[in-house]
Amino acid sequence: MYSIQCEDCKKNGKTKIYDGETGRNAYTRGVEHQKPLKSNKDSVLMKSWMHKHNKNEHEDKIPQYKICLLYTSDAADDTPCV
């Protein structure tokens, strides 16, 4: 499980967080979330939380996000979000 928080909203006193679950590592999943933001091509992820958030809250500008690992099945990989 992972969490994505919009750092730009946090600076403005808003809390915008998305919690997700994936079998891939957090870096790979983060790249997948960001890919449609940097492309004009239609994608299933164009309907994602991150894309909708950018459009509704930031006029399609790409804000800073922080991706944190919340839980992994490998206890050695459990790292708190800082």
Protein backbone atom coordinates (compact mmCIF):
# COMPACT_ATOMS: atom_id res chain seq x y z
CA MET A 1 0.00 0.00 0.00
CA TYR A 2 1.13 3.52 -0.73
CA SER A 3 -0.03 7.09 -0.25
CA ILE A 4 0.35 10.08 -2.57
CA GLN A 5 0.07 13.55 -1.09
CA CYS A 6 -0.03 16.82 -3.01
CA GLU A 7 2.70 18.94 -1.47
CA ASP A 8 1.46 22.15 -3.13
CA CYS A 9 -1.97 21.74 -1.52
CA LYS A 10 -0.32 20.95 1.82
CA LYS A 11 1.59 24.26 1.65
CA ASN A 12 -1.78 26.00 1.17
CA GLY A 13 -3.37 24.28 4.17
CA LYS A 14 -5.31 21.66 2.16
CA THR A 15 -5.05 17.91 2.58
CA LYS A 16 -5.22 16.00 -0.69
CA ILE A 17 -4.18 12.37 -0.28
CA TYR A 18 -4.67 9.29 -2.43
CA ASP A 19 -4.13 5.82 -0.95
CA GLY A 20 -3.42 2.99 -3.37
CA GLU A 21 -2.38 -0.62 -3.54
CA THR A 22 -0.04 -2.28 -6.01
CA GLY A 23 2.10 -5.36 -6.46
CA ARG A 24 4.86 -3.24 -8.05
CA ASN A 25 7.40 -1.14 -6.19
CA ALA A 26 6.45 2.42 -5.19
CA TYR A 27 8.82 4.05 -7.68
CA THR A 28 7.33 2.15 -10.63
CA ARG A 29 3.78 2.93 -9.51
CA GLY A 30 4.64 6.60 -9.03
CA VAL A 31 6.03 6.80 -12.56
CA GLU A 32 2.83 5.19 -13.86
CA HIS A 33 0.74 7.84 -12.07
CA GLN A 34 2.84 10.68 -13.48
CA LYS A 35 3.16 9.45 -17.07
CA PRO A 36 -0.20 10.78 -18.35
CA LEU A 37 0.51 14.16 -16.73
CA LYS A 38 3.48 14.63 -19.04
CA SER A 39 1.75 13.37 -22.20
CA ASN A 40 -1.17 14.53 -24.33
CA LYS A 41 -2.02 10.95 -25.34
CA ASP A 42 -5.25 9.42 -24.09
CA SER A 43 -4.68 6.88 -21.37
CA VAL A 44 -6.68 4.94 -18.80
CA LEU A 45 -4.69 6.88 -16.21
CA MET A 46 -6.06 10.16 -17.62
CA LYS A 47 -9.01 9.32 -15.37
CA SER A 48 -6.73 8.82 -12.38
CA TRP A 49 -6.95 10.74 -9.13
CA MET A 50 -3.69 12.57 -9.88
CA HIS A 51 -4.80 13.73 -13.33
CA LYS A 52 -8.19 14.90 -12.06
CA HIS A 53 -6.54 16.65 -9.10
CA ASN A 54 -4.12 18.54 -11.37
CA LYS A 55 -6.95 19.62 -13.66
CA ASN A 56 -9.36 20.66 -10.89
CA GLU A 57 -6.95 22.16 -8.36
CA HIS A 58 -3.91 23.30 -10.34
CA GLU A 59 -5.21 24.20 -13.83
CA ASP A 60 -3.28 21.28 -15.39
CA LYS A 61 0.04 22.45 -13.92
CA ILE A 62 2.02 19.62 -12.36
CA PRO A 63 2.46 20.21 -8.61
CA GLN A 64 4.91 18.43 -6.33
CA TYR A 65 3.76 15.07 -4.95
CA LYS A 66 5.17 12.90 -2.19
CA ILE A 67 4.72 9.14 -2.49
CA CYS A 68 5.04 7.15 0.73
CA LEU A 69 5.10 3.45 1.34
CA LEU A 70 2.44 2.57 3.90
CA TYR A 71 2.77 -1.19 4.00
CA THR A 72 4.61 -3.98 2.22
CA SER A 73 4.47 -7.71 2.64
CA ASP A 74 8.25 -7.69 3.17
CA ALA A 75 8.80 -6.36 6.71
CA ALA A 76 12.39 -5.39 5.80
CA ASP A 77 10.97 -2.90 3.28
CA ASP A 78 8.57 -1.15 5.67
CA THR A 79 9.71 2.43 5.65
CA PRO A 80 7.70 5.19 7.30
CA CYS A 81 6.63 8.19 5.29
CA VAL A 82 8.67 11.25 6.24
